[in-house]
N, C-alpha and C. Protein backbone atom coordinates (compact mmCIF):
# COMPACT_ATOMS: atom_id res chain seq x y z
N MET A 1 -9.05 17.80 -13.20
CA MET A 1 -9.02 16.58 -12.42
C MET A 1 -9.79 16.80 -11.13
N SER A 2 -10.65 15.86 -10.78
CA SER A 2 -11.37 15.99 -9.52
C SER A 2 -10.51 15.41 -8.39
N VAL A 3 -10.62 16.03 -7.24
CA VAL A 3 -9.86 15.61 -6.07
C VAL A 3 -10.41 14.27 -5.58
N ARG A 4 -9.51 13.36 -5.33
CA ARG A 4 -9.87 12.05 -4.78
C ARG A 4 -9.43 12.01 -3.33
N ARG A 5 -10.21 11.32 -2.50
CA ARG A 5 -9.83 11.10 -1.10
C ARG A 5 -9.20 9.72 -1.00
N ILE A 6 -7.98 9.70 -0.50
CA ILE A 6 -7.22 8.46 -0.43
C ILE A 6 -6.94 8.12 1.04
N LEU A 7 -7.13 6.86 1.39
CA LEU A 7 -6.82 6.36 2.72
C LEU A 7 -5.49 5.62 2.64
N LEU A 8 -4.55 5.98 3.50
CA LEU A 8 -3.23 5.37 3.55
C LEU A 8 -3.08 4.65 4.88
N LEU A 9 -3.02 3.31 4.85
CA LEU A 9 -2.93 2.50 6.07
C LEU A 9 -1.47 2.27 6.44
N VAL A 10 -1.08 2.70 7.64
CA VAL A 10 0.31 2.55 8.06
C VAL A 10 0.38 2.01 9.48
N GLY A 11 1.57 1.59 9.86
CA GLY A 11 1.88 1.15 11.21
C GLY A 11 3.36 1.35 11.43
N ASP A 12 3.82 1.14 12.65
CA ASP A 12 5.25 1.29 12.91
C ASP A 12 6.07 0.35 12.03
N PHE A 13 7.18 0.85 11.60
CA PHE A 13 8.13 0.18 10.72
C PHE A 13 7.57 -0.09 9.33
N VAL A 14 6.66 0.80 8.93
CA VAL A 14 6.26 0.85 7.53
C VAL A 14 7.50 1.24 6.74
N GLU A 15 7.64 0.75 5.54
CA GLU A 15 8.81 1.09 4.71
C GLU A 15 8.79 2.58 4.40
N ASP A 16 9.87 3.26 4.77
CA ASP A 16 10.01 4.71 4.66
C ASP A 16 9.61 5.23 3.27
N TYR A 17 10.26 4.75 2.23
CA TYR A 17 9.97 5.23 0.87
C TYR A 17 8.55 4.90 0.44
N GLU A 18 8.08 3.72 0.86
CA GLU A 18 6.78 3.26 0.39
C GLU A 18 5.61 3.98 1.04
N VAL A 19 5.87 4.75 2.10
CA VAL A 19 4.82 5.57 2.67
C VAL A 19 5.02 7.03 2.29
N MET A 20 6.25 7.52 2.36
CA MET A 20 6.50 8.94 2.10
C MET A 20 6.28 9.32 0.64
N VAL A 21 6.82 8.53 -0.27
CA VAL A 21 6.73 8.88 -1.69
C VAL A 21 5.29 8.87 -2.19
N PRO A 22 4.50 7.82 -1.97
CA PRO A 22 3.11 7.88 -2.45
C PRO A 22 2.31 8.99 -1.77
N TYR A 23 2.54 9.18 -0.49
CA TYR A 23 1.85 10.25 0.23
C TYR A 23 2.12 11.59 -0.44
N GLN A 24 3.39 11.89 -0.67
CA GLN A 24 3.76 13.16 -1.28
C GLN A 24 3.29 13.27 -2.74
N MET A 25 3.42 12.20 -3.50
CA MET A 25 3.02 12.24 -4.91
C MET A 25 1.51 12.44 -5.06
N LEU A 26 0.73 11.77 -4.22
CA LEU A 26 -0.72 11.90 -4.33
C LEU A 26 -1.18 13.30 -3.93
N ILE A 27 -0.53 13.89 -2.93
CA ILE A 27 -0.84 15.27 -2.57
C ILE A 27 -0.40 16.21 -3.69
N MET A 28 0.77 15.95 -4.26
CA MET A 28 1.30 16.80 -5.33
C MET A 28 0.32 16.93 -6.49
N VAL A 29 -0.39 15.85 -6.82
CA VAL A 29 -1.30 15.91 -7.95
C VAL A 29 -2.69 16.40 -7.54
N GLY A 30 -2.84 16.78 -6.26
CA GLY A 30 -4.07 17.42 -5.82
C GLY A 30 -5.04 16.55 -5.04
N HIS A 31 -4.66 15.32 -4.71
CA HIS A 31 -5.55 14.46 -3.95
C HIS A 31 -5.42 14.73 -2.45
N GLU A 32 -6.47 14.41 -1.71
CA GLU A 32 -6.49 14.52 -0.26
C GLU A 32 -6.13 13.15 0.31
N VAL A 33 -5.07 13.09 1.12
CA VAL A 33 -4.58 11.81 1.63
C VAL A 33 -4.66 11.81 3.16
N HIS A 34 -5.34 10.81 3.70
CA HIS A 34 -5.43 10.63 5.14
C HIS A 34 -4.60 9.41 5.53
N ALA A 35 -3.51 9.66 6.26
CA ALA A 35 -2.66 8.58 6.76
C ALA A 35 -3.13 8.21 8.16
N VAL A 36 -3.43 6.93 8.36
CA VAL A 36 -3.98 6.47 9.64
C VAL A 36 -3.25 5.22 10.12
N CYS A 37 -3.28 5.02 11.44
CA CYS A 37 -2.71 3.84 12.07
C CYS A 37 -3.61 3.44 13.24
N PRO A 38 -3.91 2.15 13.38
CA PRO A 38 -4.73 1.72 14.51
C PRO A 38 -4.15 2.20 15.85
N GLY A 39 -5.04 2.70 16.71
CA GLY A 39 -4.64 3.13 18.03
C GLY A 39 -3.98 4.50 18.10
N LYS A 40 -3.89 5.19 16.96
CA LYS A 40 -3.22 6.48 16.94
C LYS A 40 -4.13 7.56 16.38
N GLN A 41 -3.79 8.80 16.74
CA GLN A 41 -4.59 9.95 16.32
C GLN A 41 -3.80 10.84 15.37
N ALA A 42 -4.50 11.72 14.70
CA ALA A 42 -3.87 12.70 13.82
C ALA A 42 -2.81 13.46 14.61
N GLY A 43 -1.66 13.68 13.99
CA GLY A 43 -0.57 14.39 14.63
C GLY A 43 0.45 13.49 15.31
N GLN A 44 0.04 12.27 15.66
CA GLN A 44 1.01 11.32 16.20
C GLN A 44 1.84 10.77 15.05
N THR A 45 2.91 10.05 15.38
CA THR A 45 3.79 9.54 14.33
C THR A 45 3.93 8.02 14.44
N VAL A 46 4.38 7.45 13.33
CA VAL A 46 4.82 6.06 13.30
C VAL A 46 6.29 6.08 12.88
N ALA A 47 7.03 5.10 13.36
CA ALA A 47 8.42 4.95 12.96
C ALA A 47 8.46 4.27 11.60
N THR A 48 9.35 4.72 10.75
CA THR A 48 9.52 4.05 9.46
C THR A 48 10.84 3.29 9.46
N ALA A 49 10.99 2.42 8.49
CA ALA A 49 12.23 1.65 8.31
C ALA A 49 12.68 1.80 6.87
N VAL A 50 13.97 1.86 6.67
CA VAL A 50 14.54 1.92 5.33
C VAL A 50 15.06 0.54 4.99
N HIS A 51 14.46 -0.04 3.98
CA HIS A 51 14.91 -1.35 3.50
C HIS A 51 15.71 -1.16 2.23
N ASP A 52 16.80 -1.89 2.11
CA ASP A 52 17.65 -1.74 0.94
C ASP A 52 18.15 -3.10 0.49
N PHE A 53 18.55 -3.14 -0.75
CA PHE A 53 19.07 -4.36 -1.34
C PHE A 53 20.59 -4.22 -1.39
N GLU A 54 21.29 -4.94 -0.52
CA GLU A 54 22.73 -4.76 -0.41
C GLU A 54 23.51 -6.05 -0.69
N GLY A 55 22.92 -6.95 -1.47
CA GLY A 55 23.60 -8.17 -1.86
C GLY A 55 23.37 -9.36 -0.94
N ASP A 56 22.59 -9.17 0.10
CA ASP A 56 22.27 -10.29 0.99
C ASP A 56 21.09 -11.07 0.42
N GLN A 57 20.71 -12.15 1.09
CA GLN A 57 19.60 -12.96 0.60
C GLN A 57 18.27 -12.22 0.67
N THR A 58 18.17 -11.26 1.57
CA THR A 58 16.97 -10.45 1.67
C THR A 58 17.41 -9.00 1.90
N TYR A 59 16.48 -8.12 2.11
CA TYR A 59 16.79 -6.71 2.29
C TYR A 59 17.37 -6.46 3.69
N SER A 60 18.11 -5.36 3.80
CA SER A 60 18.58 -4.91 5.12
C SER A 60 17.58 -3.90 5.66
N GLU A 61 17.63 -3.62 6.96
CA GLU A 61 16.70 -2.68 7.56
C GLU A 61 17.43 -1.71 8.48
N LYS A 62 17.12 -0.43 8.30
CA LYS A 62 17.65 0.63 9.15
C LYS A 62 16.49 1.51 9.58
N ARG A 63 16.64 2.17 10.72
CA ARG A 63 15.59 3.09 11.21
C ARG A 63 15.46 4.25 10.23
N GLY A 64 14.22 4.59 9.91
CA GLY A 64 13.95 5.71 9.00
C GLY A 64 13.46 6.93 9.75
N HIS A 65 12.60 7.69 9.10
CA HIS A 65 12.04 8.91 9.66
C HIS A 65 10.81 8.61 10.51
N ASN A 66 10.35 9.63 11.22
CA ASN A 66 9.04 9.57 11.84
C ASN A 66 8.05 10.10 10.82
N PHE A 67 6.95 9.42 10.63
CA PHE A 67 5.94 9.82 9.66
C PHE A 67 4.70 10.26 10.42
N ALA A 68 4.27 11.49 10.18
CA ALA A 68 3.12 12.06 10.91
C ALA A 68 1.80 11.59 10.31
N LEU A 69 0.91 11.17 11.17
CA LEU A 69 -0.43 10.75 10.75
C LEU A 69 -1.30 11.98 10.55
N THR A 70 -2.18 11.93 9.57
CA THR A 70 -3.00 13.09 9.24
C THR A 70 -4.46 12.92 9.60
N ALA A 71 -4.83 11.75 10.10
CA ALA A 71 -6.22 11.52 10.51
C ALA A 71 -6.21 10.51 11.66
N THR A 72 -7.30 10.47 12.38
CA THR A 72 -7.45 9.56 13.52
C THR A 72 -8.13 8.28 13.06
N PHE A 73 -7.46 7.15 13.29
CA PHE A 73 -7.95 5.86 12.82
C PHE A 73 -9.39 5.59 13.24
N ASP A 74 -9.71 5.80 14.50
CA ASP A 74 -11.04 5.47 15.02
C ASP A 74 -12.15 6.34 14.44
N GLU A 75 -11.80 7.42 13.76
CA GLU A 75 -12.81 8.33 13.22
C GLU A 75 -13.04 8.16 11.72
N ILE A 76 -12.31 7.27 11.07
CA ILE A 76 -12.47 7.17 9.61
C ILE A 76 -13.72 6.38 9.23
N ASP A 77 -14.27 6.76 8.12
CA ASP A 77 -15.39 6.06 7.50
C ASP A 77 -14.93 5.70 6.10
N GLU A 78 -14.55 4.45 5.90
CA GLU A 78 -13.97 4.03 4.63
C GLU A 78 -14.87 4.29 3.43
N SER A 79 -16.18 4.37 3.64
CA SER A 79 -17.09 4.60 2.52
C SER A 79 -16.92 6.00 1.91
N THR A 80 -16.24 6.91 2.62
CA THR A 80 -16.04 8.27 2.13
C THR A 80 -14.75 8.42 1.33
N TYR A 81 -14.01 7.32 1.14
CA TYR A 81 -12.73 7.39 0.42
C TYR A 81 -12.86 6.77 -0.96
N ASP A 82 -12.04 7.29 -1.88
CA ASP A 82 -12.05 6.83 -3.27
C ASP A 82 -11.00 5.77 -3.56
N GLY A 83 -9.99 5.66 -2.72
CA GLY A 83 -8.92 4.71 -2.96
C GLY A 83 -8.17 4.39 -1.68
N LEU A 84 -7.45 3.27 -1.71
CA LEU A 84 -6.70 2.78 -0.56
C LEU A 84 -5.26 2.51 -0.98
N VAL A 85 -4.30 2.96 -0.15
CA VAL A 85 -2.88 2.67 -0.39
C VAL A 85 -2.37 1.86 0.79
N ILE A 86 -1.69 0.75 0.46
CA ILE A 86 -1.11 -0.13 1.47
C ILE A 86 0.38 -0.26 1.20
N PRO A 87 1.20 0.50 1.95
CA PRO A 87 2.65 0.37 1.80
C PRO A 87 3.16 -0.90 2.50
N GLY A 88 4.41 -1.24 2.19
CA GLY A 88 5.00 -2.44 2.76
C GLY A 88 5.82 -2.17 4.00
N GLY A 89 6.89 -2.94 4.12
CA GLY A 89 7.69 -2.91 5.33
C GLY A 89 7.16 -3.96 6.30
N ARG A 90 7.48 -3.79 7.56
CA ARG A 90 7.00 -4.76 8.55
C ARG A 90 5.63 -4.41 9.10
N ALA A 91 5.13 -3.23 8.82
CA ALA A 91 3.82 -2.81 9.34
C ALA A 91 2.69 -3.78 8.96
N PRO A 92 2.63 -4.28 7.73
CA PRO A 92 1.50 -5.16 7.38
C PRO A 92 1.38 -6.42 8.24
N GLU A 93 2.51 -6.94 8.73
CA GLU A 93 2.40 -8.15 9.57
C GLU A 93 1.67 -7.84 10.87
N TYR A 94 1.79 -6.61 11.35
CA TYR A 94 1.06 -6.16 12.54
C TYR A 94 -0.37 -5.75 12.17
N LEU A 95 -0.51 -4.98 11.12
CA LEU A 95 -1.82 -4.47 10.72
C LEU A 95 -2.81 -5.58 10.39
N ARG A 96 -2.33 -6.68 9.86
CA ARG A 96 -3.24 -7.76 9.46
C ARG A 96 -3.89 -8.46 10.64
N LEU A 97 -3.42 -8.16 11.85
CA LEU A 97 -4.01 -8.73 13.05
C LEU A 97 -5.15 -7.87 13.60
N ASP A 98 -5.38 -6.72 13.01
CA ASP A 98 -6.40 -5.78 13.47
C ASP A 98 -7.69 -6.00 12.66
N ALA A 99 -8.74 -6.40 13.34
CA ALA A 99 -10.01 -6.72 12.67
C ALA A 99 -10.57 -5.53 11.90
N ARG A 100 -10.41 -4.33 12.42
CA ARG A 100 -10.93 -3.14 11.74
C ARG A 100 -10.17 -2.88 10.45
N VAL A 101 -8.85 -3.08 10.45
CA VAL A 101 -8.05 -2.93 9.23
C VAL A 101 -8.54 -3.91 8.17
N ILE A 102 -8.76 -5.14 8.56
CA ILE A 102 -9.24 -6.16 7.61
C ILE A 102 -10.61 -5.76 7.05
N GLU A 103 -11.47 -5.24 7.89
CA GLU A 103 -12.78 -4.76 7.46
C GLU A 103 -12.64 -3.65 6.41
N ILE A 104 -11.71 -2.75 6.63
CA ILE A 104 -11.48 -1.64 5.68
C ILE A 104 -11.01 -2.18 4.34
N VAL A 105 -10.03 -3.08 4.36
CA VAL A 105 -9.52 -3.66 3.11
C VAL A 105 -10.64 -4.37 2.37
N ARG A 106 -11.44 -5.13 3.09
CA ARG A 106 -12.56 -5.85 2.45
C ARG A 106 -13.57 -4.89 1.84
N HIS A 107 -13.80 -3.75 2.49
CA HIS A 107 -14.71 -2.75 1.94
C HIS A 107 -14.24 -2.29 0.56
N PHE A 108 -12.96 -1.93 0.45
CA PHE A 108 -12.44 -1.44 -0.83
C PHE A 108 -12.52 -2.51 -1.90
N ALA A 109 -12.23 -3.76 -1.53
CA ALA A 109 -12.32 -4.85 -2.49
C ALA A 109 -13.76 -5.11 -2.92
N ALA A 110 -14.68 -5.14 -1.96
CA ALA A 110 -16.09 -5.44 -2.25
C ALA A 110 -16.76 -4.34 -3.07
N THR A 111 -16.33 -3.11 -2.89
CA THR A 111 -16.94 -1.98 -3.62
C THR A 111 -16.16 -1.65 -4.89
N ASN A 112 -15.13 -2.44 -5.18
CA ASN A 112 -14.32 -2.29 -6.39
C ASN A 112 -13.66 -0.92 -6.49
N LYS A 113 -13.31 -0.35 -5.33
CA LYS A 113 -12.58 0.91 -5.32
C LYS A 113 -11.09 0.62 -5.52
N PRO A 114 -10.34 1.56 -6.08
CA PRO A 114 -8.92 1.34 -6.33
C PRO A 114 -8.13 1.04 -5.05
N ILE A 115 -7.29 0.01 -5.16
CA ILE A 115 -6.39 -0.39 -4.08
C ILE A 115 -4.98 -0.45 -4.66
N ALA A 116 -4.04 0.23 -4.01
CA ALA A 116 -2.62 0.15 -4.39
C ALA A 116 -1.87 -0.51 -3.25
N SER A 117 -1.21 -1.62 -3.54
CA SER A 117 -0.44 -2.35 -2.53
C SER A 117 0.95 -2.60 -3.08
N ILE A 118 1.95 -2.39 -2.22
CA ILE A 118 3.33 -2.59 -2.65
C ILE A 118 4.08 -3.43 -1.62
N CYS A 119 4.98 -4.24 -2.10
CA CYS A 119 5.90 -5.01 -1.27
C CYS A 119 5.13 -5.93 -0.31
N HIS A 120 5.33 -5.78 1.00
CA HIS A 120 4.66 -6.62 1.99
C HIS A 120 3.21 -6.22 2.24
N GLY A 121 2.71 -5.19 1.56
CA GLY A 121 1.31 -4.80 1.67
C GLY A 121 0.38 -5.94 1.31
N ALA A 122 0.86 -6.86 0.49
CA ALA A 122 0.04 -8.02 0.11
C ALA A 122 -0.35 -8.87 1.31
N GLN A 123 0.37 -8.74 2.42
CA GLN A 123 -0.02 -9.48 3.63
C GLN A 123 -1.41 -9.05 4.11
N LEU A 124 -1.76 -7.78 3.92
CA LEU A 124 -3.11 -7.34 4.29
C LEU A 124 -4.14 -7.90 3.32
N LEU A 125 -3.79 -7.94 2.04
CA LEU A 125 -4.72 -8.47 1.04
C LEU A 125 -4.98 -9.96 1.27
N THR A 126 -3.93 -10.71 1.61
CA THR A 126 -4.13 -12.15 1.85
C THR A 126 -4.92 -12.37 3.13
N ALA A 127 -4.61 -11.61 4.18
CA ALA A 127 -5.33 -11.77 5.45
C ALA A 127 -6.81 -11.41 5.31
N ALA A 128 -7.10 -10.45 4.43
CA ALA A 128 -8.49 -10.03 4.21
C ALA A 128 -9.23 -11.00 3.27
N GLY A 129 -8.50 -11.91 2.65
CA GLY A 129 -9.13 -12.89 1.77
C GLY A 129 -9.67 -12.29 0.48
N VAL A 130 -8.99 -11.28 -0.05
CA VAL A 130 -9.50 -10.59 -1.24
C VAL A 130 -8.69 -10.87 -2.51
N LEU A 131 -7.78 -11.85 -2.47
CA LEU A 131 -6.93 -12.11 -3.63
C LEU A 131 -7.36 -13.30 -4.47
N ASN A 132 -8.29 -14.10 -4.01
CA ASN A 132 -8.67 -15.30 -4.75
C ASN A 132 -9.06 -14.97 -6.20
N GLY A 133 -8.38 -15.61 -7.14
CA GLY A 133 -8.67 -15.41 -8.55
C GLY A 133 -8.03 -14.16 -9.15
N ARG A 134 -7.26 -13.42 -8.36
CA ARG A 134 -6.63 -12.19 -8.84
C ARG A 134 -5.19 -12.45 -9.27
N ARG A 135 -4.59 -11.43 -9.87
CA ARG A 135 -3.16 -11.43 -10.20
C ARG A 135 -2.52 -10.33 -9.38
N CYS A 136 -1.41 -10.65 -8.71
CA CYS A 136 -0.85 -9.74 -7.71
C CYS A 136 0.67 -9.83 -7.68
N SER A 137 1.32 -8.66 -7.66
CA SER A 137 2.75 -8.60 -7.42
C SER A 137 2.97 -8.26 -5.95
N ALA A 138 4.13 -8.61 -5.45
CA ALA A 138 4.51 -8.33 -4.06
C ALA A 138 6.00 -8.64 -3.94
N TYR A 139 6.55 -8.36 -2.78
CA TYR A 139 7.94 -8.73 -2.54
C TYR A 139 8.06 -10.24 -2.75
N PRO A 140 9.13 -10.73 -3.41
CA PRO A 140 9.22 -12.16 -3.75
C PRO A 140 9.01 -13.13 -2.59
N ALA A 141 9.38 -12.76 -1.38
CA ALA A 141 9.19 -13.66 -0.23
C ALA A 141 7.72 -13.91 0.06
N LEU A 142 6.83 -13.10 -0.51
CA LEU A 142 5.40 -13.27 -0.28
C LEU A 142 4.72 -14.14 -1.34
N GLN A 143 5.48 -14.63 -2.31
CA GLN A 143 4.88 -15.47 -3.35
C GLN A 143 4.07 -16.63 -2.77
N PRO A 144 4.59 -17.38 -1.76
CA PRO A 144 3.79 -18.48 -1.21
C PRO A 144 2.47 -17.99 -0.60
N GLU A 145 2.48 -16.85 0.09
CA GLU A 145 1.24 -16.33 0.69
C GLU A 145 0.24 -15.93 -0.38
N VAL A 146 0.73 -15.23 -1.41
CA VAL A 146 -0.14 -14.78 -2.49
C VAL A 146 -0.79 -15.99 -3.18
N GLU A 147 0.02 -17.01 -3.46
CA GLU A 147 -0.51 -18.19 -4.14
C GLU A 147 -1.43 -19.00 -3.24
N THR A 148 -1.13 -19.10 -1.97
CA THR A 148 -1.99 -19.81 -1.02
C THR A 148 -3.35 -19.11 -0.91
N ALA A 149 -3.34 -17.79 -1.10
CA ALA A 149 -4.59 -17.01 -1.05
C ALA A 149 -5.41 -17.16 -2.33
N GLY A 150 -4.91 -17.94 -3.30
CA GLY A 150 -5.66 -18.21 -4.52
C GLY A 150 -5.37 -17.25 -5.66
N ALA A 151 -4.30 -16.48 -5.54
CA ALA A 151 -3.95 -15.52 -6.59
C ALA A 151 -2.78 -16.04 -7.42
N THR A 152 -2.62 -15.45 -8.59
CA THR A 152 -1.45 -15.70 -9.42
C THR A 152 -0.41 -14.65 -9.06
N TYR A 153 0.78 -15.11 -8.70
CA TYR A 153 1.85 -14.20 -8.31
C TYR A 153 2.54 -13.65 -9.57
N ILE A 154 2.68 -12.33 -9.64
CA ILE A 154 3.40 -11.68 -10.72
C ILE A 154 4.80 -11.36 -10.22
N ALA A 155 5.80 -11.97 -10.81
CA ALA A 155 7.18 -11.83 -10.35
C ALA A 155 7.73 -10.43 -10.59
N ALA A 156 8.67 -10.06 -9.75
CA ALA A 156 9.37 -8.79 -9.90
C ALA A 156 10.32 -8.86 -11.09
N SER A 157 10.46 -7.74 -11.77
CA SER A 157 11.48 -7.66 -12.81
C SER A 157 12.84 -7.66 -12.14
N GLU A 158 13.88 -7.81 -12.90
CA GLU A 158 15.23 -7.83 -12.33
C GLU A 158 15.53 -6.55 -11.55
N ALA A 159 14.99 -5.43 -12.00
CA ALA A 159 15.22 -4.14 -11.34
C ALA A 159 14.16 -3.82 -10.29
N PHE A 160 13.21 -4.71 -10.08
CA PHE A 160 12.12 -4.50 -9.12
C PHE A 160 11.29 -3.25 -9.44
N ASP A 161 11.22 -2.88 -10.71
CA ASP A 161 10.56 -1.62 -11.08
C ASP A 161 9.25 -1.81 -11.83
N ASN A 162 8.67 -2.99 -11.77
CA ASN A 162 7.42 -3.24 -12.47
C ASN A 162 6.21 -3.16 -11.54
N ALA A 163 5.09 -2.76 -12.12
CA ALA A 163 3.81 -2.74 -11.40
C ALA A 163 2.83 -3.55 -12.22
N TYR A 164 1.78 -4.03 -11.58
CA TYR A 164 0.78 -4.83 -12.29
C TYR A 164 -0.61 -4.37 -11.88
N THR A 165 -1.49 -4.23 -12.86
CA THR A 165 -2.87 -3.83 -12.60
C THR A 165 -3.81 -4.98 -12.95
N ASP A 166 -4.68 -5.31 -12.01
CA ASP A 166 -5.72 -6.31 -12.23
C ASP A 166 -7.03 -5.66 -11.77
N GLY A 167 -7.74 -5.06 -12.71
CA GLY A 167 -8.98 -4.36 -12.38
C GLY A 167 -8.71 -3.18 -11.47
N ASN A 168 -9.27 -3.21 -10.26
CA ASN A 168 -9.09 -2.11 -9.30
C ASN A 168 -7.82 -2.25 -8.46
N LEU A 169 -7.09 -3.34 -8.63
CA LEU A 169 -5.93 -3.66 -7.81
C LEU A 169 -4.62 -3.35 -8.54
N VAL A 170 -3.80 -2.48 -7.94
CA VAL A 170 -2.50 -2.11 -8.51
C VAL A 170 -1.43 -2.55 -7.51
N THR A 171 -0.53 -3.42 -7.94
CA THR A 171 0.48 -3.97 -7.03
C THR A 171 1.87 -3.84 -7.63
N ALA A 172 2.86 -3.88 -6.74
CA ALA A 172 4.26 -3.79 -7.16
C ALA A 172 5.13 -4.50 -6.12
N PRO A 173 6.35 -4.91 -6.52
CA PRO A 173 7.20 -5.69 -5.61
C PRO A 173 7.96 -4.89 -4.57
N ALA A 174 8.32 -3.65 -4.85
CA ALA A 174 9.12 -2.87 -3.89
C ALA A 174 9.24 -1.43 -4.39
N TRP A 175 9.85 -0.58 -3.55
CA TRP A 175 9.92 0.85 -3.84
C TRP A 175 10.56 1.24 -5.16
N PRO A 176 11.47 0.46 -5.77
CA PRO A 176 11.96 0.87 -7.09
C PRO A 176 10.85 0.98 -8.15
N ALA A 177 9.69 0.39 -7.85
CA ALA A 177 8.55 0.42 -8.79
C ALA A 177 7.67 1.65 -8.62
N HIS A 178 8.02 2.57 -7.73
CA HIS A 178 7.15 3.73 -7.48
C HIS A 178 6.64 4.42 -8.73
N PRO A 179 7.49 4.78 -9.71
CA PRO A 179 6.94 5.48 -10.88
C PRO A 179 5.84 4.69 -11.59
N ALA A 180 6.09 3.41 -11.83
CA ALA A 180 5.09 2.59 -12.53
C ALA A 180 3.86 2.36 -11.65
N TRP A 181 4.07 2.13 -10.37
CA TRP A 181 2.99 1.83 -9.43
C TRP A 181 2.07 3.03 -9.24
N ILE A 182 2.63 4.20 -8.97
CA ILE A 182 1.81 5.39 -8.77
C ILE A 182 1.12 5.79 -10.07
N ARG A 183 1.83 5.69 -11.19
CA ARG A 183 1.21 6.01 -12.49
C ARG A 183 -0.02 5.12 -12.72
N ALA A 184 0.13 3.83 -12.47
CA ALA A 184 -0.99 2.90 -12.67
C ALA A 184 -2.12 3.18 -11.69
N PHE A 185 -1.80 3.49 -10.44
CA PHE A 185 -2.83 3.80 -9.45
C PHE A 185 -3.59 5.06 -9.86
N LEU A 186 -2.89 6.08 -10.32
CA LEU A 186 -3.56 7.30 -10.77
C LEU A 186 -4.50 7.01 -11.94
N GLU A 187 -4.09 6.12 -12.84
CA GLU A 187 -4.95 5.74 -13.96
C GLU A 187 -6.22 5.06 -13.47
N VAL A 188 -6.07 4.13 -12.51
CA VAL A 188 -7.24 3.42 -11.97
C VAL A 188 -8.15 4.39 -11.22
N LEU A 189 -7.56 5.39 -10.54
CA LEU A 189 -8.34 6.41 -9.85
C LEU A 189 -9.09 7.33 -10.82
N GLY A 190 -8.64 7.36 -12.08
CA GLY A 190 -9.22 8.26 -13.07
C GLY A 190 -8.57 9.63 -13.06
N SER A 191 -7.40 9.74 -12.43
CA SER A 191 -6.67 11.01 -12.40
C SER A 191 -5.99 11.23 -13.74
N ARG A 192 -6.09 12.42 -14.23
CA ARG A 192 -5.45 12.78 -15.50
C ARG A 192 -4.39 13.83 -15.22
N ILE A 193 -3.17 13.55 -15.63
CA ILE A 193 -2.06 14.49 -15.45
C ILE A 193 -1.62 14.90 -16.85
N ALA A 194 -1.75 16.15 -17.16
CA ALA A 194 -1.37 16.64 -18.48
C ALA A 194 0.03 17.26 -18.44
N PRO A 195 0.84 17.02 -19.49
CA PRO A 195 2.18 17.60 -19.51
C PRO A 195 2.13 19.11 -19.69
């Protein structure tokens, strides 16, 4: 398997599981992962949040871990990366206001490089205007945004463990979908994992 360079876009209150698990899994299989956040440098941290389904109308939120960034946002050149990961949580609502973040997302879409987005990560895809005519899963509360952006919304399974692939785009509704989501992203990246 050839090593792929992956860009991981994060911000404060990124969903804890949705940033830590893909980061660790992609490194585990041998890929190089650069976690970046606007305005921050390698070695700095972002706060994460733990979202859970506890029987309320929406998820609950608790403070998670500090997640260390591995690269400096202002120094990245998106053309040198093979794939993009966009975790959810509340970070995407902030990240979508950053013009450089939008430029990065548009680069991956325009060059047909693999993009993995989970949960509220679809907010970056809609803000970047890259979903028109696509099929996309996301947290159910984002269905109106996804459809307004011209995409077909793929609903979450009852267990929230489904992922959906549309060409270079791999999406999922929430962290219970990690196995399916990461497996599909690795396939789109061309990564081969042998038993």
